[in-house]
Protein backbone atom coordinates (compact mmCIF):
# COMPACT_ATOMS: atom_id res chain seq x y z
CA MET A 1 207.31 81.48 8.44
CA TYR A 2 207.63 77.83 9.39
CA TRP A 3 204.49 75.93 8.47
CA ASP A 4 203.22 72.50 7.52
CA ASP A 5 199.60 71.36 7.61
CA ALA A 6 200.77 68.50 9.79
CA LEU A 7 201.17 71.00 12.64
CA THR A 8 197.36 70.92 12.97
CA GLU A 9 197.67 67.27 14.06
CA TYR A 10 198.63 68.56 17.53
CA ASP A 11 195.12 67.61 18.60
CA PHE A 12 194.00 66.63 22.06
CA GLY A 13 190.47 65.87 20.94
CA PRO A 14 187.23 67.76 20.21
CA SER A 15 186.46 68.67 23.81
CA HIS A 16 189.92 70.08 24.57
CA PRO A 17 190.33 73.89 24.63
CA MET A 18 193.40 73.81 22.37
CA ASN A 19 191.51 73.09 19.17
CA PRO A 20 193.80 72.99 16.10
CA LEU A 21 191.01 74.64 14.11
CA ARG A 22 192.48 77.92 15.37
CA LEU A 23 195.59 77.32 13.22
CA ASP A 24 193.53 76.40 10.14
CA LEU A 25 191.47 79.61 10.57
CA LEU A 26 194.65 81.62 11.02
CA MET A 27 196.22 80.40 7.80
CA ARG A 28 193.04 80.89 5.82
CA LEU A 29 192.60 84.42 7.16
CA ALA A 30 196.23 85.31 6.43
CA ARG A 31 195.87 84.01 2.90
CA ALA A 32 192.57 85.80 2.33
CA LEU A 33 194.05 89.10 3.48
CA GLY A 34 197.12 88.68 1.26
CA VAL A 35 199.56 88.40 4.15
CA LEU A 36 200.98 85.14 2.82
CA ASP A 37 201.97 86.96 -0.36
CA HIS A 38 204.65 88.65 1.72
CA VAL A 39 205.73 85.56 3.68
CA GLU A 40 208.04 82.73 2.71
CA LEU A 41 206.59 79.45 3.92
CA VAL A 42 209.26 76.99 5.03
CA ALA A 43 208.47 73.35 5.76
CA PRO A 44 209.92 72.43 9.17
CA THR A 45 211.84 69.29 10.02
CA PRO A 46 211.29 67.53 13.33
CA ALA A 47 213.59 68.30 16.23
CA THR A 48 216.06 65.49 16.81
CA GLU A 49 216.31 63.59 20.07
CA ALA A 50 219.61 65.38 20.73
CA GLU A 51 217.91 68.75 20.31
CA LEU A 52 215.01 67.78 22.54
CA GLU A 53 217.39 66.46 25.19
CA ARG A 54 219.09 69.85 25.51
CA VAL A 55 216.00 70.73 27.56
CA HIS A 56 214.14 67.49 28.26
CA THR A 57 215.37 64.34 29.96
CA SER A 58 215.89 61.26 27.82
CA ALA A 59 213.39 59.41 30.04
CA PHE A 60 210.71 61.97 29.23
CA VAL A 61 211.39 61.88 25.48
CA GLN A 62 211.21 58.08 25.58
CA ALA A 63 207.94 58.27 27.52
CA VAL A 64 206.40 60.57 24.88
CA GLU A 65 207.54 58.21 22.13
CA GLN A 66 206.07 55.22 23.92
CA CYS A 67 202.77 56.98 24.62
CA SER A 68 202.41 57.87 20.93
CA THR A 69 201.53 54.31 19.99
CA PRO A 70 197.89 53.19 19.57
CA GLY A 71 196.20 52.09 22.78
CA SER A 72 198.54 53.93 25.13
CA GLU A 73 196.96 55.21 28.34
CA GLY A 74 199.77 57.68 28.95
CA ASP A 75 202.33 58.05 31.69
CA HIS A 76 201.25 60.23 34.55
CA ARG A 77 204.74 60.28 36.02
CA HIS A 78 205.63 62.45 33.01
CA GLY A 79 202.36 64.38 32.79
CA ILE A 80 201.06 62.41 29.80
CA GLY A 81 197.50 61.15 29.63
CA THR A 82 196.09 63.79 31.99
CA PRO A 83 193.06 66.03 31.24
CA ASP A 84 195.48 68.84 30.31
CA VAL A 85 197.68 66.66 28.10
CA PRO A 86 195.69 63.71 26.76
CA VAL A 87 197.40 61.11 24.59
CA PHE A 88 196.88 61.53 20.87
CA ALA A 89 198.10 59.70 17.74
CA ARG A 90 201.65 60.51 16.67
CA MET A 91 202.11 62.75 19.71
CA HIS A 92 205.89 62.57 19.63
CA GLU A 93 206.15 63.09 15.87
CA VAL A 94 203.88 66.12 15.80
CA SER A 95 205.35 67.66 18.95
CA ALA A 96 208.84 67.20 17.60
CA LEU A 97 207.72 68.83 14.33
CA ILE A 98 206.41 71.88 16.22
CA THR A 99 209.67 72.05 18.11
CA GLY A 100 211.66 71.72 14.93
CA ALA A 101 209.74 74.59 13.43
CA THR A 102 210.76 76.91 16.26
CA VAL A 103 214.33 75.64 16.17
CA GLY A 104 214.40 76.21 12.42
CA ALA A 105 213.04 79.73 12.82
CA ALA A 106 215.64 80.58 15.47
CA THR A 107 218.49 79.07 13.48
CA ALA A 108 217.53 80.94 10.34
CA VAL A 109 217.40 84.24 12.20
CA TRP A 110 220.71 83.61 13.98
CA ARG A 111 222.45 82.66 10.71
CA GLY A 112 221.15 85.82 9.11
CA ASP A 113 219.09 84.02 6.48
CA VAL A 114 216.10 86.13 7.55
CA ALA A 115 215.62 88.98 10.02
CA HIS A 116 212.33 87.71 11.47
CA ALA A 117 210.68 84.28 11.67
CA PHE A 118 207.38 82.96 13.03
CA ASN A 119 206.04 79.61 14.18
CA PRO A 120 202.36 80.13 15.10
CA ALA A 121 202.04 76.50 16.27
CA GLY A 122 204.81 77.05 18.82
CA GLY A 123 205.01 78.80 22.14
CA LEU A 124 204.38 75.67 24.22
CA HIS A 125 205.95 77.27 27.27
CA HIS A 126 204.67 75.08 30.13
CA ALA A 127 206.48 71.84 29.30
CA MET A 128 209.15 71.01 31.90
CA SER A 129 212.36 69.03 31.55
CA ASP A 130 210.72 65.80 32.71
CA ALA A 131 207.01 66.35 32.18
CA ALA A 132 204.34 67.63 29.86
CA ALA A 133 202.09 70.28 31.40
CA GLY A 134 199.47 72.89 30.57
CA PHE A 135 198.62 71.60 27.05
CA CYS A 136 202.37 71.48 26.22
CA VAL A 137 204.31 68.30 25.36
CA TYR A 138 207.76 69.59 24.32
CA ASN A 139 208.89 73.10 25.18
CA ASP A 140 209.72 74.28 21.68
CA VAL A 141 210.72 77.76 22.86
CA ALA A 142 213.26 76.51 25.37
CA VAL A 143 214.70 74.01 22.87
CA ALA A 144 215.06 76.82 20.30
CA ILE A 145 216.78 79.10 22.80
CA ALA A 146 219.17 76.26 23.69
CA ALA A 147 219.90 75.90 19.96
CA LEU A 148 220.71 79.62 19.78
CA LEU A 149 223.15 79.25 22.68
CA ASP A 150 224.74 76.21 21.09
CA GLY A 151 225.07 78.20 17.88
CA GLY A 152 227.11 80.87 19.57
CA ALA A 153 224.57 83.37 20.92
CA GLU A 154 225.83 84.90 24.18
CA ARG A 155 222.67 86.81 25.19
CA VAL A 156 219.10 85.84 24.31
CA ALA A 157 216.07 87.75 25.53
CA TYR A 158 212.70 86.02 25.77
CA VAL A 159 209.48 88.02 26.24
CA ASP A 160 206.29 86.07 26.93
CA ILE A 161 202.96 87.92 26.77
CA ASP A 162 200.68 84.92 27.24
CA VAL A 163 198.17 85.30 30.08
CA HIS A 164 199.83 82.33 31.83
CA HIS A 165 203.29 82.44 33.33
CA GLY A 166 206.03 81.10 31.06
CA ASP A 167 207.13 78.70 33.76
CA GLY A 168 208.80 76.06 31.63
CA VAL A 169 211.07 78.50 29.86
CA GLN A 170 211.94 80.22 33.14
CA ALA A 171 212.79 76.85 34.69
CA ALA A 172 214.98 75.81 31.75
CA PHE A 173 217.18 78.90 32.11
CA TRP A 174 216.74 79.68 35.79
CA ASP A 175 220.45 79.67 36.48
CA ASP A 176 221.79 80.69 33.05
CA PRO A 177 222.89 84.33 32.87
CA ARG A 178 222.91 84.21 29.07
CA VAL A 179 219.09 84.15 28.91
CA LEU A 180 216.77 86.93 30.10
CA THR A 181 213.20 85.64 30.48
CA ILE A 182 210.42 88.20 30.89
CA SER A 183 206.88 86.96 31.47
CA VAL A 184 203.87 89.29 31.57
CA HIS A 185 200.91 87.34 32.93
CA GLU A 186 197.90 87.28 35.23
CA ASP A 187 198.69 87.11 38.93
CA PRO A 188 199.53 83.50 39.92
CA ARG A 189 197.10 83.72 42.83
CA THR A 190 194.21 83.67 40.38
CA LEU A 191 195.52 81.57 37.44
CA TYR A 192 197.45 78.48 36.41
CA PRO A 193 200.29 77.56 36.87
CA GLY A 194 200.49 79.41 40.21
CA THR A 195 204.03 80.67 39.63
CA GLY A 196 205.52 83.85 38.27
CA ARG A 197 205.81 86.17 41.28
CA PRO A 198 208.13 89.16 41.12
CA SER A 199 210.30 87.50 43.77
CA GLU A 200 211.25 84.76 41.30
CA THR A 201 214.39 86.47 40.01
CA GLY A 202 216.72 83.67 38.87
CA GLY A 203 219.22 81.22 40.27
CA PRO A 204 222.38 82.09 42.19
CA ASN A 205 224.40 82.46 38.97
CA ALA A 206 221.72 84.42 37.13
CA GLN A 207 220.07 86.82 39.57
CA GLY A 208 217.89 89.35 37.79
CA THR A 209 217.46 87.32 34.62
CA SER A 210 214.06 85.85 35.49
CA VAL A 211 211.50 88.67 35.31
CA ASN A 212 207.83 88.35 36.22
CA ILE A 213 205.13 90.98 35.87
CA ALA A 214 202.06 89.56 37.64
CA LEU A 215 198.98 91.61 36.75
CA PRO A 216 195.64 91.92 38.58
CA MET A 217 192.52 90.33 37.18
CA ARG A 218 190.62 92.47 34.68
CA THR A 219 193.71 94.41 33.60
CA ASP A 220 192.77 96.14 30.33
CA ASP A 221 194.74 97.34 27.29
CA ASP A 222 196.01 100.54 28.87
CA GLY A 223 197.18 98.87 32.06
CA TRP A 224 198.79 95.92 30.23
CA LEU A 225 200.64 98.18 27.82
CA ARG A 226 201.74 100.41 30.72
CA ALA A 227 203.21 97.38 32.47
CA ILE A 228 205.04 96.20 29.37
CA HIS A 229 206.45 99.62 28.46
CA SER A 230 207.45 100.33 32.06
CA VAL A 231 209.63 97.23 32.34
CA VAL A 232 210.50 95.48 29.08
CA PRO A 233 212.42 98.13 27.08
CA HIS A 234 214.45 99.18 30.12
CA LEU A 235 215.67 95.62 30.66
CA LEU A 236 216.27 94.92 26.99
CA ARG A 237 218.46 98.01 26.79
CA ALA A 238 220.43 96.96 29.87
CA PHE A 239 220.77 93.29 28.84
CA ASP A 240 221.77 94.06 25.23
CA PRO A 241 220.47 90.81 23.66
CA GLN A 242 221.71 89.49 20.33
CA VAL A 243 218.32 88.02 19.47
CA LEU A 244 214.77 88.52 20.73
CA VAL A 245 212.40 85.54 21.11
CA THR A 246 208.75 86.28 21.82
CA GLN A 247 205.65 84.26 22.68
CA HIS A 248 202.32 85.75 21.60
CA GLY A 249 199.69 83.85 23.54
CA CYS A 250 196.46 85.75 22.95
CA ASP A 251 194.52 84.33 25.91
CA THR A 252 194.77 87.78 27.48
CA HIS A 253 191.74 88.77 25.41
CA TYR A 254 188.49 89.54 27.19
CA LEU A 255 186.71 86.76 25.24
CA ASP A 256 189.14 84.04 26.30
CA PRO A 257 187.30 81.39 28.34
CA LEU A 258 190.27 80.30 30.48
CA ALA A 259 191.58 83.54 32.00
CA ASN A 260 190.62 86.86 33.53
CA LEU A 261 192.37 89.74 31.77
CA ALA A 262 190.44 92.19 29.62
CA LEU A 263 192.52 92.99 26.55
CA SER A 264 191.30 93.69 23.06
CA ILE A 265 192.80 92.79 19.72
CA ASP A 266 194.03 96.36 19.56
CA GLY A 267 196.16 96.14 22.71
CA GLN A 268 197.62 92.86 21.56
CA ARG A 269 198.41 94.36 18.13
CA MET A 270 200.18 97.31 19.78
CA ALA A 271 202.33 94.95 21.84
CA ALA A 272 203.43 93.14 18.68
CA GLU A 273 204.29 96.50 17.10
CA ALA A 274 206.37 97.45 20.15
CA LEU A 275 208.21 94.13 20.24
CA HIS A 276 209.02 94.49 16.54
CA ARG A 277 210.41 97.96 17.19
CA TRP A 278 212.43 96.74 20.17
CA SER A 279 213.88 93.84 18.17
CA HIS A 280 215.51 96.48 15.94
CA GLU A 281 216.39 98.86 18.72
CA PHE A 282 217.89 96.30 21.11
CA ALA A 283 218.59 93.01 19.25
CA GLY A 284 219.97 93.96 15.85
CA GLY A 285 216.61 93.26 14.21
CA ARG A 286 216.79 89.52 15.01
CA TRP A 287 213.29 88.45 16.01
CA VAL A 288 211.86 84.96 16.50
CA ALA A 289 208.12 84.85 17.31
CA THR A 290 205.78 82.03 18.25
CA GLY A 291 202.10 81.57 19.00
CA GLY A 292 201.01 80.19 22.36
CA GLY A 293 197.75 80.07 24.26
CA GLY A 294 194.43 81.39 23.00
CA TYR A 295 191.10 79.61 23.25
CA ALA A 296 188.65 82.04 21.66
CA ILE A 297 189.46 80.20 18.47
CA VAL A 298 187.22 82.05 16.03
CA ASP A 299 187.13 85.73 16.93
CA VAL A 300 190.53 86.18 18.60
CA VAL A 301 193.31 83.75 17.67
CA PRO A 302 193.11 84.00 13.86
CA ARG A 303 192.91 87.80 13.92
CA ILE A 304 195.72 88.51 16.37
CA TRP A 305 198.15 86.00 14.86
CA THR A 306 197.42 87.30 11.38
CA LEU A 307 198.27 90.76 12.70
CA VAL A 308 201.46 89.42 14.27
CA MET A 309 202.40 87.68 11.02
CA ALA A 310 201.80 90.84 9.04
CA GLU A 311 203.93 92.83 11.51
CA LEU A 312 206.76 90.35 11.17
CA ALA A 313 206.52 90.54 7.39
CA GLY A 314 206.73 94.31 7.40
CA TYR A 315 203.23 94.76 5.95
CA PRO A 316 201.11 95.72 8.93
CA ILE A 317 197.32 95.57 8.56
CA ALA A 318 195.29 98.68 9.32
CA PRO A 319 192.92 98.06 12.24
CA ASP A 320 189.83 99.01 10.25
CA THR A 321 190.55 96.42 7.53
CA PRO A 322 187.45 94.31 6.81
CA VAL A 323 187.63 90.57 7.26
CA PRO A 324 187.26 88.97 3.77
CA ASP A 325 183.86 87.50 2.94
CA GLU A 326 185.42 84.20 1.87
CA TRP A 327 186.86 83.71 5.35
CA ILE A 328 183.56 84.58 7.00
CA ARG A 329 181.77 81.97 4.88
CA TYR A 330 184.39 79.36 5.74
CA VAL A 331 184.05 80.04 9.46
CA GLU A 332 180.27 79.80 9.23
CA GLU A 333 180.56 76.48 7.41
CA ARG A 334 183.01 75.03 9.93
CA THR A 335 181.56 76.41 13.16
CA GLY A 336 178.05 77.61 12.52
CA LYS A 337 179.12 80.97 13.99
CA ARG A 338 179.37 84.34 12.28
CA PRO A 339 182.73 85.84 13.20
CA VAL A 340 183.78 89.41 13.84
CA THR A 341 184.00 91.21 10.47
CA VAL A 342 186.83 93.69 11.01
CA MET A 343 190.45 93.44 12.20
CA THR A 344 189.87 95.56 15.30
CA ASP A 345 187.77 95.52 18.43
CA GLY A 346 187.29 99.24 18.07
CA GLY A 347 189.54 100.20 20.92
CA GLU A 348 192.06 103.01 20.99
CA PRO A 349 194.61 101.99 23.68
CA THR A 350 197.13 104.49 24.92
CA VAL A 351 200.61 103.91 26.26
CA VAL A 352 201.37 105.81 29.45
CA ASP A 353 204.66 104.51 30.81
CA TRP A 354 206.45 104.92 34.15
CA SER A 355 207.83 108.32 33.25
CA THR A 356 204.46 109.88 34.18
CA GLY A 357 204.85 108.79 37.81
CA TYR A 358 203.46 106.15 40.12
CA ASP A 359 199.95 105.94 41.55
CA PRO A 360 200.24 104.17 44.94
CA GLU A 361 196.46 103.49 44.96
CA SER A 362 196.58 101.57 41.65
CA PRO A 363 196.83 97.73 41.89
CA LEU A 364 198.35 97.82 38.42
CA ASP A 365 201.07 100.22 39.43
CA GLN A 366 201.70 98.26 42.62
CA ALA A 367 202.29 95.14 40.53
CA VAL A 368 204.63 96.91 38.14
CA LEU A 369 206.60 98.53 40.95
CA ALA A 370 207.02 95.16 42.65
CA THR A 371 208.72 93.84 39.51
CA ARG A 372 210.86 96.92 39.04
CA ARG A 373 212.02 96.79 42.67
CA ALA A 374 212.81 93.09 42.44
CA ILE A 375 214.75 93.25 39.16
CA PHE A 376 216.01 96.71 38.23
CA PRO A 377 218.84 96.94 40.80
CA PHE A 378 220.47 93.81 39.31
CA HIS A 379 220.80 95.76 36.05
CA GLY A 380 221.98 99.02 37.55
CA LEU A 381 218.56 100.63 37.12
CA ASP A 382 216.64 102.77 39.61
CA PRO A 383 213.21 101.12 40.11
CA GLU A 384 211.63 104.39 41.17
CA ARG A 385 212.85 106.55 38.32
CA ASP A 386 214.34 104.74 35.30
């Protein structure tokens, strides 16, 4: 795992939803549960300007650098200094370090140094080539995928399970047939960034490589898992990627204050288990994972990313595992709140995939079928049956 305490300096201020305390609580929970005993911690190095400029314009990188100095008011032409992306000290340095962590993780997996790698501070999927957006300065995921391509990878699959559409990654590889981007998110009619419709299928040279599953508000564990299992493994099998990159935003949880899905920790854990399995089944075991969104910073983010970390390490945590007392005390000291005391929400999600048939009255099934009809024919798949 790529980690440095300096990653918590990605800090937009105390009133901003993306509070870096979530990363501190994650690392303390992982340590208290013994997960870090099975994880090699690697200190990242910052992404270079050349690496950043594989995805971002030089003008944007220069703007971020200039806005990182004391007293800067930002540069709205490049999305910097807005309510979503306020200026903060050392913005370029910290954002480049986060990006370097994901690049390092991807490079290590591609070289075969490790089978799996994780950057929980990454997953900043909204940043565009010339602008920061949606709490994201540099698009670490897109830069890492570009590094994989430069390193010789011919097919990279990216699966994004954040509640928000992975628009920046989709845009970066819109017309590149070497990259399959799959985003599972809340319907863009009800949530930022307003993109991610099934009809967004890729550029003229890459039709069928941009995949969007847009889910109705209040979709729960069973519906979300049905959508994932009815689309993702079919396309991974057809695309035959050499490496799987995943983004594990946990703002799909019912406690998240910024979105409208209704998942539990248990559904999110089961998705991580499935993606782990699919990395071995379809990508030779090469798996690069990142964090992402998630704004229920006490009861959700630390638990789900600890579960993801444990899954990556090959030492999964049983759902009924108690949360250690030492972590509970620390949370109470830092936040004044008593957290959830077990690594489950008590749910028992089930996976019922497309093989059981289609319910035309179900908004969930209508959404899944729209994606299958838009994408499957490009891969030689029957949207009604496969």
